[in-house]
C-alpha atoms as a PDB file:
ATOM      1  CA  UNK A   1     -48.284  -3.138   4.029  1.00  0.00           C
ATOM      2  CA  UNK A   2     -46.164  -5.591   6.063  1.00  0.00           C
ATOM      3  CA  UNK A   3     -45.347  -7.578   2.908  1.00  0.00           C
ATOM      4  CA  UNK A   4     -43.943  -4.452   1.265  1.00  0.00           C
ATOM      5  CA  UNK A   5     -41.675  -3.656   4.229  1.00  0.00           C
ATOM      6  CA  UNK A   6     -40.340  -7.233   4.423  1.00  0.00           C
ATOM      7  CA  UNK A   7     -39.770  -7.702   0.684  1.00  0.00           C
ATOM      8  CA  UNK A   8     -36.353  -6.985  -0.725  1.00  0.00           C
ATOM      9  CA  UNK A   9     -36.297  -3.534  -2.199  1.00  0.00           C
ATOM     10  CA  UNK A  10     -33.444  -3.319  -4.721  1.00  0.00           C
ATOM     11  CA  UNK A  11     -30.790  -0.727  -3.965  1.00  0.00           C
ATOM     12  CA  UNK A  12     -29.703   1.918  -6.452  1.00  0.00           C
ATOM     13  CA  UNK A  13     -26.535   0.958  -8.379  1.00  0.00           C
ATOM     14  CA  UNK A  14     -24.412   3.700  -6.816  1.00  0.00           C
ATOM     15  CA  UNK A  15     -25.390   2.535  -3.308  1.00  0.00           C
ATOM     16  CA  UNK A  16     -24.482  -1.073  -4.206  1.00  0.00           C
ATOM     17  CA  UNK A  17     -21.098   0.158  -5.444  1.00  0.00           C
ATOM     18  CA  UNK A  18     -20.516   2.100  -2.213  1.00  0.00           C
ATOM     19  CA  UNK A  19     -21.315  -0.967  -0.127  1.00  0.00           C
ATOM     20  CA  UNK A  20     -19.115  -3.211  -2.295  1.00  0.00           C
ATOM     21  CA  UNK A  21     -16.215  -0.763  -1.987  1.00  0.00           C
ATOM     22  CA  UNK A  22     -16.628  -0.509   1.784  1.00  0.00           C
ATOM     23  CA  UNK A  23     -16.691  -4.308   2.024  1.00  0.00           C
ATOM     24  CA  UNK A  24     -13.404  -4.506   0.100  1.00  0.00           C
ATOM     25  CA  UNK A  25     -11.830  -1.822   2.302  1.00  0.00           C
ATOM     26  CA  UNK A  26     -12.973  -3.641   5.459  1.00  0.00           C
ATOM     27  CA  UNK A  27     -11.561  -6.942   4.214  1.00  0.00           C
ATOM     28  CA  UNK A  28      -8.251  -5.343   3.191  1.00  0.00           C
ATOM     29  CA  UNK A  29      -7.697  -3.162   6.248  1.00  0.00           C
ATOM     30  CA  UNK A  30      -8.251  -5.871   8.853  1.00  0.00           C
ATOM     31  CA  UNK A  31      -6.940  -8.783   6.778  1.00  0.00           C
ATOM     32  CA  UNK A  32     -10.172 -10.752   6.584  1.00  0.00           C
ATOM     33  CA  UNK A  33     -10.151 -13.757   4.303  1.00  0.00           C
ATOM     34  CA  UNK A  34     -12.151 -13.334   1.107  1.00  0.00           C
ATOM     35  CA  UNK A  35     -14.171 -16.363   2.164  1.00  0.00           C
ATOM     36  CA  UNK A  36     -15.899 -14.056   4.648  1.00  0.00           C
ATOM     37  CA  UNK A  37     -18.575 -13.419   2.001  1.00  0.00           C
ATOM     38  CA  UNK A  38     -19.340 -17.155   1.966  1.00  0.00           C
ATOM     39  CA  UNK A  39     -19.791 -17.442   5.736  1.00  0.00           C
ATOM     40  CA  UNK A  40     -23.432 -18.293   6.482  1.00  0.00           C
ATOM     41  CA  UNK A  41     -23.702 -16.193   9.644  1.00  0.00           C
ATOM     42  CA  UNK A  42     -22.100 -13.182   7.981  1.00  0.00           C
ATOM     43  CA  UNK A  43     -24.512 -13.496   5.055  1.00  0.00           C
ATOM     44  CA  UNK A  44     -27.448 -13.641   7.492  1.00  0.00           C
ATOM     45  CA  UNK A  45     -26.126 -10.600   9.321  1.00  0.00           C
ATOM     46  CA  UNK A  46     -25.851  -8.573   6.101  1.00  0.00           C
ATOM     47  CA  UNK A  47     -29.328  -9.740   5.037  1.00  0.00           C
ATOM     48  CA  UNK A  48     -30.714  -8.494   8.364  1.00  0.00           C
ATOM     49  CA  UNK A  49     -28.957  -5.149   8.039  1.00  0.00           C
ATOM     50  CA  UNK A  50     -30.042  -4.530   4.472  1.00  0.00           C
ATOM     51  CA  UNK A  51     -32.200  -7.085   2.654  1.00  0.00           C
ATOM     52  CA  UNK A  52     -31.698  -5.180  -0.614  1.00  0.00           C
ATOM     53  CA  UNK A  53     -27.932  -5.734  -0.643  1.00  0.00           C
ATOM     54  CA  UNK A  54     -26.534  -8.922  -2.118  1.00  0.00           C
ATOM     55  CA  UNK A  55     -23.009  -9.793  -1.072  1.00  0.00           C
ATOM     56  CA  UNK A  56     -20.611 -10.351  -3.971  1.00  0.00           C
ATOM     57  CA  UNK A  57     -19.051 -13.775  -4.450  1.00  0.00           C
ATOM     58  CA  UNK A  58     -15.454 -14.468  -3.524  1.00  0.00           C
ATOM     59  CA  UNK A  59     -14.616 -14.597  -7.231  1.00  0.00           C
ATOM     60  CA  UNK A  60     -16.230 -11.201  -7.881  1.00  0.00           C
ATOM     61  CA  UNK A  61     -14.335  -9.791  -4.902  1.00  0.00           C
ATOM     62  CA  UNK A  62     -10.950 -11.049  -6.055  1.00  0.00           C
ATOM     63  CA  UNK A  63     -11.282 -10.579  -9.811  1.00  0.00           C
ATOM     64  CA  UNK A  64     -13.329  -7.400 -10.057  1.00  0.00           C
ATOM     65  CA  UNK A  65     -13.923  -5.416  -6.880  1.00  0.00           C
ATOM     66  CA  UNK A  66     -10.501  -5.722  -5.243  1.00  0.00           C
ATOM     67  CA  UNK A  67      -8.571  -4.617  -8.366  1.00  0.00           C
ATOM     68  CA  UNK A  68     -11.025  -1.745  -8.898  1.00  0.00           C
ATOM     69  CA  UNK A  69     -10.617  -0.434  -5.338  1.00  0.00           C
ATOM     70  CA  UNK A  70      -6.849  -1.014  -5.474  1.00  0.00           C
ATOM     71  CA  UNK A  71      -6.557   1.058  -8.656  1.00  0.00           C
ATOM     72  CA  UNK A  72      -8.765   3.804  -7.214  1.00  0.00           C
ATOM     73  CA  UNK A  73      -6.710   4.034  -4.021  1.00  0.00           C
ATOM     74  CA  UNK A  74      -3.435   3.828  -5.955  1.00  0.00           C
ATOM     75  CA  UNK A  75      -4.450   6.718  -8.224  1.00  0.00           C
ATOM     76  CA  UNK A  76      -5.497   8.850  -5.247  1.00  0.00           C
ATOM     77  CA  UNK A  77      -2.192   8.177  -3.468  1.00  0.00           C
ATOM     78  CA  UNK A  78      -0.170   8.904  -6.622  1.00  0.00           C
ATOM     79  CA  UNK A  79      -2.027  12.191  -7.098  1.00  0.00           C
ATOM     80  CA  UNK A  80      -1.382  13.134  -3.466  1.00  0.00           C
ATOM     81  CA  UNK A  81       2.328  12.270  -3.571  1.00  0.00           C
ATOM     82  CA  UNK A  82       2.762  14.063  -6.922  1.00  0.00           C
ATOM     83  CA  UNK A  83       1.837  17.337  -5.182  1.00  0.00           C
ATOM     84  CA  UNK A  84       4.619  16.924  -2.623  1.00  0.00           C
ATOM     85  CA  UNK A  85       7.421  19.453  -2.891  1.00  0.00           C
ATOM     86  CA  UNK A  86       9.972  17.305  -1.099  1.00  0.00           C
ATOM     87  CA  UNK A  87       9.984  13.598  -0.371  1.00  0.00           C
ATOM     88  CA  UNK A  88      12.144  11.665   2.056  1.00  0.00           C
ATOM     89  CA  UNK A  89      12.648   7.971   1.412  1.00  0.00           C
ATOM     90  CA  UNK A  90      13.375   5.164   3.831  1.00  0.00           C
ATOM     91  CA  UNK A  91      14.576   1.901   2.383  1.00  0.00           C
ATOM     92  CA  UNK A  92      15.896  -1.432   3.518  1.00  0.00           C
ATOM     93  CA  UNK A  93      17.047  -4.549   1.734  1.00  0.00           C
ATOM     94  CA  UNK A  94      17.323  -7.868   3.521  1.00  0.00           C
ATOM     95  CA  UNK A  95      17.600 -11.594   3.005  1.00  0.00           C
ATOM     96  CA  UNK A  96      15.230 -13.998   4.742  1.00  0.00           C
ATOM     97  CA  UNK A  97      16.262 -17.074   6.667  1.00  0.00           C
ATOM     98  CA  UNK A  98      15.545 -19.178   3.544  1.00  0.00           C
ATOM     99  CA  UNK A  99      17.758 -16.866   1.459  1.00  0.00           C
ATOM    100  CA  UNK A 100      15.003 -14.890  -0.324  1.00  0.00           C
ATOM    101  CA  UNK A 101      15.937 -11.262  -0.919  1.00  0.00           C
ATOM    102  CA  UNK A 102      13.511  -8.394  -0.246  1.00  0.00           C
ATOM    103  CA  UNK A 103      13.494  -4.636  -0.518  1.00  0.00           C
ATOM    104  CA  UNK A 104      11.094  -2.045   0.833  1.00  0.00           C
ATOM    105  CA  UNK A 105      10.737   1.644   0.006  1.00  0.00           C
ATOM    106  CA  UNK A 106       8.616   4.108   1.948  1.00  0.00           C
ATOM    107  CA  UNK A 107       7.998   7.738   0.977  1.00  0.00           C
ATOM    108  CA  UNK A 108       7.425  10.425   3.607  1.00  0.00           C
ATOM    109  CA  UNK A 109       6.095  13.878   2.704  1.00  0.00           C
ATOM    110  CA  UNK A 110       3.927  16.702   3.948  1.00  0.00           C
ATOM    111  CA  UNK A 111       0.469  16.992   2.435  1.00  0.00           C
ATOM    112  CA  UNK A 112       0.264  20.786   2.142  1.00  0.00           C
ATOM    113  CA  UNK A 113      -3.527  20.765   1.781  1.00  0.00           C
ATOM    114  CA  UNK A 114      -3.976  19.420   5.308  1.00  0.00           C
ATOM    115  CA  UNK A 115      -0.505  20.193   6.746  1.00  0.00           C
ATOM    116  CA  UNK A 116       0.003  16.608   7.761  1.00  0.00           C
ATOM    117  CA  UNK A 117       2.950  14.241   7.489  1.00  0.00           C
ATOM    118  CA  UNK A 118       2.042  11.326   5.209  1.00  0.00           C
ATOM    119  CA  UNK A 119       3.765   7.989   4.794  1.00  0.00           C
ATOM    120  CA  UNK A 120       3.259   5.732   1.790  1.00  0.00           C
ATOM    121  CA  UNK A 121       4.903   2.402   1.115  1.00  0.00           C
ATOM    122  CA  UNK A 122       5.720   2.594  -2.580  1.00  0.00           C
ATOM    123  CA  UNK A 123       7.230  -0.849  -2.806  1.00  0.00           C
ATOM    124  CA  UNK A 124       7.935  -3.992  -0.852  1.00  0.00           C
ATOM    125  CA  UNK A 125       8.901  -6.852  -3.108  1.00  0.00           C
ATOM    126  CA  UNK A 126      10.895  -9.985  -3.338  1.00  0.00           C
ATOM    127  CA  UNK A 127      14.144  -8.807  -4.918  1.00  0.00           C
ATOM    128  CA  UNK A 128      15.580 -11.716  -6.850  1.00  0.00           C
ATOM    129  CA  UNK A 129      18.664  -9.919  -8.129  1.00  0.00           C
ATOM    130  CA  UNK A 130      21.838  -9.724  -6.082  1.00  0.00           C
ATOM    131  CA  UNK A 131      21.832  -6.831  -3.610  1.00  0.00           C
ATOM    132  CA  UNK A 132      24.643  -4.994  -5.374  1.00  0.00           C
ATOM    133  CA  UNK A 133      24.756  -1.217  -5.243  1.00  0.00           C
ATOM    134  CA  UNK A 134      24.069  -0.977  -8.990  1.00  0.00           C
ATOM    135  CA  UNK A 135      21.030  -3.271  -8.790  1.00  0.00           C
ATOM    136  CA  UNK A 136      19.657  -1.404  -5.778  1.00  0.00           C
ATOM    137  CA  UNK A 137      20.206   1.965  -7.473  1.00  0.00           C
ATOM    138  CA  UNK A 138      18.383   0.762 -10.594  1.00  0.00           C
ATOM    139  CA  UNK A 139      15.489  -0.496  -8.501  1.00  0.00           C
ATOM    140  CA  UNK A 140      15.204   2.787  -6.597  1.00  0.00           C
ATOM    141  CA  UNK A 141      15.321   4.796  -9.838  1.00  0.00           C
ATOM    142  CA  UNK A 142      12.613   2.638 -11.417  1.00  0.00           C
ATOM    143  CA  UNK A 143      10.333   3.021  -8.376  1.00  0.00           C
ATOM    144  CA  UNK A 144      10.860   6.786  -8.283  1.00  0.00           C
ATOM    145  CA  UNK A 145       9.976   7.018 -11.980  1.00  0.00           C
ATOM    146  CA  UNK A 146       6.959   4.733 -11.552  1.00  0.00           C
ATOM    147  CA  UNK A 147       5.631   7.025  -8.827  1.00  0.00           C
ATOM    148  CA  UNK A 148       6.755  10.176 -10.667  1.00  0.00           C
ATOM    149  CA  UNK A 149       8.763  11.398  -7.682  1.00  0.00           C
ATOM    150  CA  UNK A 150      12.254  11.187  -9.193  1.00  0.00           C
ATOM    151  CA  UNK A 151      12.637  14.999  -9.132  1.00  0.00           C
ATOM    152  CA  UNK A 152      11.363  15.403  -5.567  1.00  0.00           C
ATOM    153  CA  UNK A 153      13.490  12.947  -3.587  1.00  0.00           C
ATOM    154  CA  UNK A 154      15.313  15.015  -0.986  1.00  0.00           C
ATOM    155  CA  UNK A 155      17.068  12.395   1.091  1.00  0.00           C
ATOM    156  CA  UNK A 156      17.210   8.626   1.488  1.00  0.00           C
ATOM    157  CA  UNK A 157      17.445   7.171   4.986  1.00  0.00           C
ATOM    158  CA  UNK A 158      18.724   3.620   5.326  1.00  0.00           C
ATOM    159  CA  UNK A 159      20.727   1.369   7.580  1.00  0.00           C
ATOM    160  CA  UNK A 160      24.479   1.587   7.362  1.00  0.00           C
ATOM    161  CA  UNK A 161      24.798  -1.240   4.807  1.00  0.00           C
ATOM    162  CA  UNK A 162      27.617  -0.450   2.401  1.00  0.00           C
ATOM    163  CA  UNK A 163      25.676  -1.621  -0.673  1.00  0.00           C
ATOM    164  CA  UNK A 164      22.685   0.635   0.084  1.00  0.00           C
ATOM    165  CA  UNK A 165      24.944   3.602   0.887  1.00  0.00           C
ATOM    166  CA  UNK A 166      26.790   3.032  -2.408  1.00  0.00           C
ATOM    167  CA  UNK A 167      23.491   2.745  -4.321  1.00  0.00           C
ATOM    168  CA  UNK A 168      22.376   6.108  -2.922  1.00  0.00           C
ATOM    169  CA  UNK A 169      25.687   7.707  -3.925  1.00  0.00           C
ATOM    170  CA  UNK A 170      25.462   6.172  -7.424  1.00  0.00           C
ATOM    171  CA  UNK A 171      21.975   7.627  -7.827  1.00  0.00           C
ATOM    172  CA  UNK A 172      23.180  11.076  -6.813  1.00  0.00           C
ATOM    173  CA  UNK A 173      20.813  11.284  -3.848  1.00  0.00           C
ATOM    174  CA  UNK A 174      21.575  12.629  -0.403  1.00  0.00           C
ATOM    175  CA  UNK A 175      21.936   9.955   2.278  1.00  0.00           C
ATOM    176  CA  UNK A 176      21.331   9.751   6.007  1.00  0.00           C
ATOM    177  CA  UNK A 177      21.919   6.777   8.257  1.00  0.00           C
ATOM    178  CA  UNK A 178      18.978   5.563  10.314  1.00  0.00           C
ATOM    179  CA  UNK A 179      19.388   6.989  13.805  1.00  0.00           C
ATOM    180  CA  UNK A 180      17.802   4.026  15.616  1.00  0.00           C
ATOM    181  CA  UNK A 181      19.838   1.552  13.608  1.00  0.00           C
ATOM    182  CA  UNK A 182      23.024   3.417  14.496  1.00  0.00           C
ATOM    183  CA  UNK A 183      22.079   3.475  18.209  1.00  0.00           C
ATOM    184  CA  UNK A 184      21.355  -0.252  18.044  1.00  0.00           C
ATOM    185  CA  UNK A 185      24.800  -0.886  16.545  1.00  0.00           C
ATOM    186  CA  UNK A 186      26.416   1.161  19.336  1.00  0.00           C
ATOM    187  CA  UNK A 187      24.498  -0.738  22.026  1.00  0.00           C
ATOM    188  CA  UNK A 188      25.442  -4.100  20.539  1.00  0.00           C
END
């Protein structure tokens, strides 16, 4: 009887998938290194918790599980944002100290199913093109189309940068200046 209790009892496939997905979410949400699954003490800990569960390798995590969970989460978020009646966008473009350009776009909307304000970053990339108003407008349009929100954008909030303001005008969107950024400019 003791031998049976100590032996590894294989887990059902769906349970293994749930555990794998939760592992990926844990790693992603708290920024653990993928090498966590190779750590001896962590492996022992998991073995003690559930002898029937075998941790995936780092390669399996990065090449299979992470993309699968990413796609699942991305689809869920896209479905949620597609239901939004009105979406407000915040955006900022900047250049790093080593002269690399970046742009970020965040969508804000109310999830009517739970009556809750939701915020989703729909893009934060290195922007290699010049930060001209035309280039910024094209980027914003492409992101809105990618996320299928181009018809629902109500207003775009940004800093007072002339190129971003011009990009918003070129796109035909309504613009608001960031309140805190404006206050900061007044204080300075």
